[in-house]
C-alpha atoms as a PDB file:
ATOM      1  CA  MET A   1     -52.669  27.770  -3.296  1.00  0.00           C
ATOM      2  CA  GLN A   2     -50.482  30.557  -1.933  1.00  0.00           C
ATOM      3  CA  PHE A   3     -51.138  33.838  -0.144  1.00  0.00           C
ATOM      4  CA  LYS A   4     -50.363  37.122  -1.923  1.00  0.00           C
ATOM      5  CA  HIS A   5     -48.474  40.199  -0.825  1.00  0.00           C
ATOM      6  CA  ILE A   6     -50.267  43.533  -0.604  1.00  0.00           C
ATOM      7  CA  SER A   7     -48.882  47.040  -0.146  1.00  0.00           C
ATOM      8  CA  VAL A   8     -50.437  49.683   2.092  1.00  0.00           C
ATOM      9  CA  ALA A   9     -51.702  51.569  -0.981  1.00  0.00           C
ATOM     10  CA  GLU A  10     -53.220  48.372  -2.420  1.00  0.00           C
ATOM     11  CA  LEU A  11     -54.830  47.623   0.963  1.00  0.00           C
ATOM     12  CA  LYS A  12     -56.460  51.050   1.048  1.00  0.00           C
ATOM     13  CA  ALA A  13     -57.715  50.664  -2.532  1.00  0.00           C
ATOM     14  CA  LEU A  14     -59.044  47.149  -1.882  1.00  0.00           C
ATOM     15  CA  SER A  15     -60.844  48.219   1.287  1.00  0.00           C
ATOM     16  CA  ASN A  16     -62.514  51.059  -0.640  1.00  0.00           C
ATOM     17  CA  GLU A  17     -63.684  48.643  -3.357  1.00  0.00           C
ATOM     18  CA  GLN A  18     -65.132  45.829  -1.265  1.00  0.00           C
ATOM     19  CA  THR A  19     -65.583  44.293   2.154  1.00  0.00           C
ATOM     20  CA  ILE A  20     -62.393  42.770   3.520  1.00  0.00           C
ATOM     21  CA  ASN A  21     -61.336  41.153   6.772  1.00  0.00           C
ATOM     22  CA  ILE A  22     -58.176  42.464   8.409  1.00  0.00           C
ATOM     23  CA  VAL A  23     -56.505  40.473  11.159  1.00  0.00           C
ATOM     24  CA  ASP A  24     -53.692  41.912  13.245  1.00  0.00           C
ATOM     25  CA  THR A  25     -51.391  39.379  14.903  1.00  0.00           C
ATOM     26  CA  ARG A  26     -49.524  41.859  17.105  1.00  0.00           C
ATOM     27  CA  ASP A  27     -49.786  41.610  20.883  1.00  0.00           C
ATOM     28  CA  GLN A  28     -52.927  42.964  22.548  1.00  0.00           C
ATOM     29  CA  GLN A  29     -51.186  45.980  24.069  1.00  0.00           C
ATOM     30  CA  SER A  30     -49.788  47.152  20.716  1.00  0.00           C
ATOM     31  CA  PHE A  31     -53.149  46.527  19.066  1.00  0.00           C
ATOM     32  CA  ALA A  32     -54.928  48.516  21.789  1.00  0.00           C
ATOM     33  CA  LEU A  33     -52.602  51.492  21.251  1.00  0.00           C
ATOM     34  CA  SER A  34     -53.243  51.664  17.508  1.00  0.00           C
ATOM     35  CA  HIS A  35     -54.457  49.454  14.696  1.00  0.00           C
ATOM     36  CA  ILE A  36     -55.930  49.544  11.207  1.00  0.00           C
ATOM     37  CA  PRO A  37     -59.623  50.518  11.365  1.00  0.00           C
ATOM     38  CA  LYS A  38     -61.934  47.467  11.593  1.00  0.00           C
ATOM     39  CA  ALA A  39     -58.982  45.112  12.205  1.00  0.00           C
ATOM     40  CA  PHE A  40     -59.439  42.108  14.488  1.00  0.00           C
ATOM     41  CA  ASN A  41     -56.696  41.217  16.985  1.00  0.00           C
ATOM     42  CA  LEU A  42     -55.990  37.581  16.139  1.00  0.00           C
ATOM     43  CA  ASN A  43     -54.115  35.416  18.649  1.00  0.00           C
ATOM     44  CA  GLN A  44     -53.782  31.773  19.678  1.00  0.00           C
ATOM     45  CA  GLY A  45     -56.702  32.128  22.084  1.00  0.00           C
ATOM     46  CA  ASN A  46     -59.255  33.252  19.487  1.00  0.00           C
ATOM     47  CA  LEU A  47     -57.828  31.831  16.252  1.00  0.00           C
ATOM     48  CA  GLU A  48     -60.111  28.822  15.816  1.00  0.00           C
ATOM     49  CA  GLN A  49     -63.274  30.746  16.738  1.00  0.00           C
ATOM     50  CA  HIS A  50     -62.415  33.618  14.382  1.00  0.00           C
ATOM     51  CA  ILE A  51     -61.744  31.198  11.516  1.00  0.00           C
ATOM     52  CA  ALA A  52     -65.087  29.545  12.173  1.00  0.00           C
ATOM     53  CA  ASP A  53     -66.879  32.920  12.221  1.00  0.00           C
ATOM     54  CA  CYS A  54     -65.306  34.382   9.062  1.00  0.00           C
ATOM     55  CA  ASP A  55     -66.707  34.178   5.557  1.00  0.00           C
ATOM     56  CA  MET A  56     -63.960  32.359   3.649  1.00  0.00           C
ATOM     57  CA  ASP A  57     -64.970  34.069   0.396  1.00  0.00           C
ATOM     58  CA  ILE A  58     -64.151  37.582   1.686  1.00  0.00           C
ATOM     59  CA  PRO A  59     -60.527  38.675   1.162  1.00  0.00           C
ATOM     60  CA  MET A  60     -58.408  38.372   4.322  1.00  0.00           C
ATOM     61  CA  VAL A  61     -55.437  40.660   5.006  1.00  0.00           C
ATOM     62  CA  VAL A  62     -52.970  39.636   7.717  1.00  0.00           C
ATOM     63  CA  CYS A  63     -50.962  42.339   9.460  1.00  0.00           C
ATOM     64  CA  CYS A  64     -48.124  41.988  11.976  1.00  0.00           C
ATOM     65  CA  TYR A  65     -45.359  44.347  13.132  1.00  0.00           C
ATOM     66  CA  HIS A  66     -43.117  44.373  10.043  1.00  0.00           C
ATOM     67  CA  GLY A  67     -44.717  42.007   7.513  1.00  0.00           C
ATOM     68  CA  ILE A  68     -42.647  38.927   8.350  1.00  0.00           C
ATOM     69  CA  SER A  69     -44.672  36.725  10.731  1.00  0.00           C
ATOM     70  CA  SER A  70     -47.898  37.629   8.922  1.00  0.00           C
ATOM     71  CA  GLN A  71     -46.690  35.565   5.968  1.00  0.00           C
ATOM     72  CA  GLY A  72     -46.813  32.334   7.997  1.00  0.00           C
ATOM     73  CA  VAL A  73     -50.276  33.178   9.320  1.00  0.00           C
ATOM     74  CA  ALA A  74     -51.450  34.058   5.799  1.00  0.00           C
ATOM     75  CA  GLN A  75     -50.239  30.713   4.450  1.00  0.00           C
ATOM     76  CA  PHE A  76     -51.926  28.922   7.376  1.00  0.00           C
ATOM     77  CA  LEU A  77     -55.229  30.635   6.495  1.00  0.00           C
ATOM     78  CA  VAL A  78     -54.878  29.591   2.844  1.00  0.00           C
ATOM     79  CA  GLU A  79     -54.342  26.011   3.999  1.00  0.00           C
ATOM     80  CA  ARG A  80     -57.481  26.297   6.168  1.00  0.00           C
ATOM     81  CA  GLY A  81     -59.563  27.113   3.088  1.00  0.00           C
ATOM     82  CA  PHE A  82     -59.630  30.901   2.738  1.00  0.00           C
ATOM     83  CA  ASP A  83     -59.808  31.836  -0.953  1.00  0.00           C
ATOM     84  CA  GLU A  84     -58.018  35.186  -1.055  1.00  0.00           C
ATOM     85  CA  VAL A  85     -55.374  35.887   1.607  1.00  0.00           C
ATOM     86  CA  TYR A  86     -52.828  38.699   1.701  1.00  0.00           C
ATOM     87  CA  SER A  87     -49.856  39.536   3.909  1.00  0.00           C
ATOM     88  CA  LEU A  88     -49.403  43.282   4.402  1.00  0.00           C
ATOM     89  CA  ASP A  89     -45.911  44.205   3.203  1.00  0.00           C
ATOM     90  CA  GLY A  90     -44.093  46.179   5.889  1.00  0.00           C
ATOM     91  CA  GLY A  91     -46.780  45.323   8.450  1.00  0.00           C
ATOM     92  CA  PHE A  92     -48.437  47.805  10.756  1.00  0.00           C
ATOM     93  CA  GLU A  93     -45.271  49.911  10.812  1.00  0.00           C
ATOM     94  CA  ALA A  94     -45.595  50.578   7.063  1.00  0.00           C
ATOM     95  CA  TYR A  95     -49.312  51.290   7.474  1.00  0.00           C
ATOM     96  CA  ALA A  96     -48.699  53.720  10.328  1.00  0.00           C
ATOM     97  CA  ASN A  97     -45.901  55.488   8.433  1.00  0.00           C
ATOM     98  CA  ALA A  98     -48.014  55.811   5.282  1.00  0.00           C
ATOM     99  CA  THR A  99     -51.035  57.015   7.229  1.00  0.00           C
ATOM    100  CA  ASN A 100     -49.032  59.596   9.205  1.00  0.00           C
ATOM    101  CA  ALA A 101     -47.347  60.829   6.035  1.00  0.00           C
ATOM    102  CA  SER A 102     -50.680  61.370   4.269  1.00  0.00           C
ATOM    103  CA  GLU A 103     -52.349  63.294   7.104  1.00  0.00           C
END
């Protein structure tokens, strides 16, 4: 199985339709400054615990800075048994730009 790509617009639509998990792999300082609402800051220190705590049937969206490193994390999560995993195209930068443009 493979992860899927998701755009910012698709992410917003999906989150309005159903419960989703969003994990943000950026560093803690960047995450603390700004992040997608309800996102969890995923890192090496909390990865295994977060995987154990998550419902693997709920869609998981992985976000990073620009949408590159999130793809590796998304594929890792698929390999760990998550059913529906997405990598956010353009990462948090695309999300922030889209959000600022629509306000």
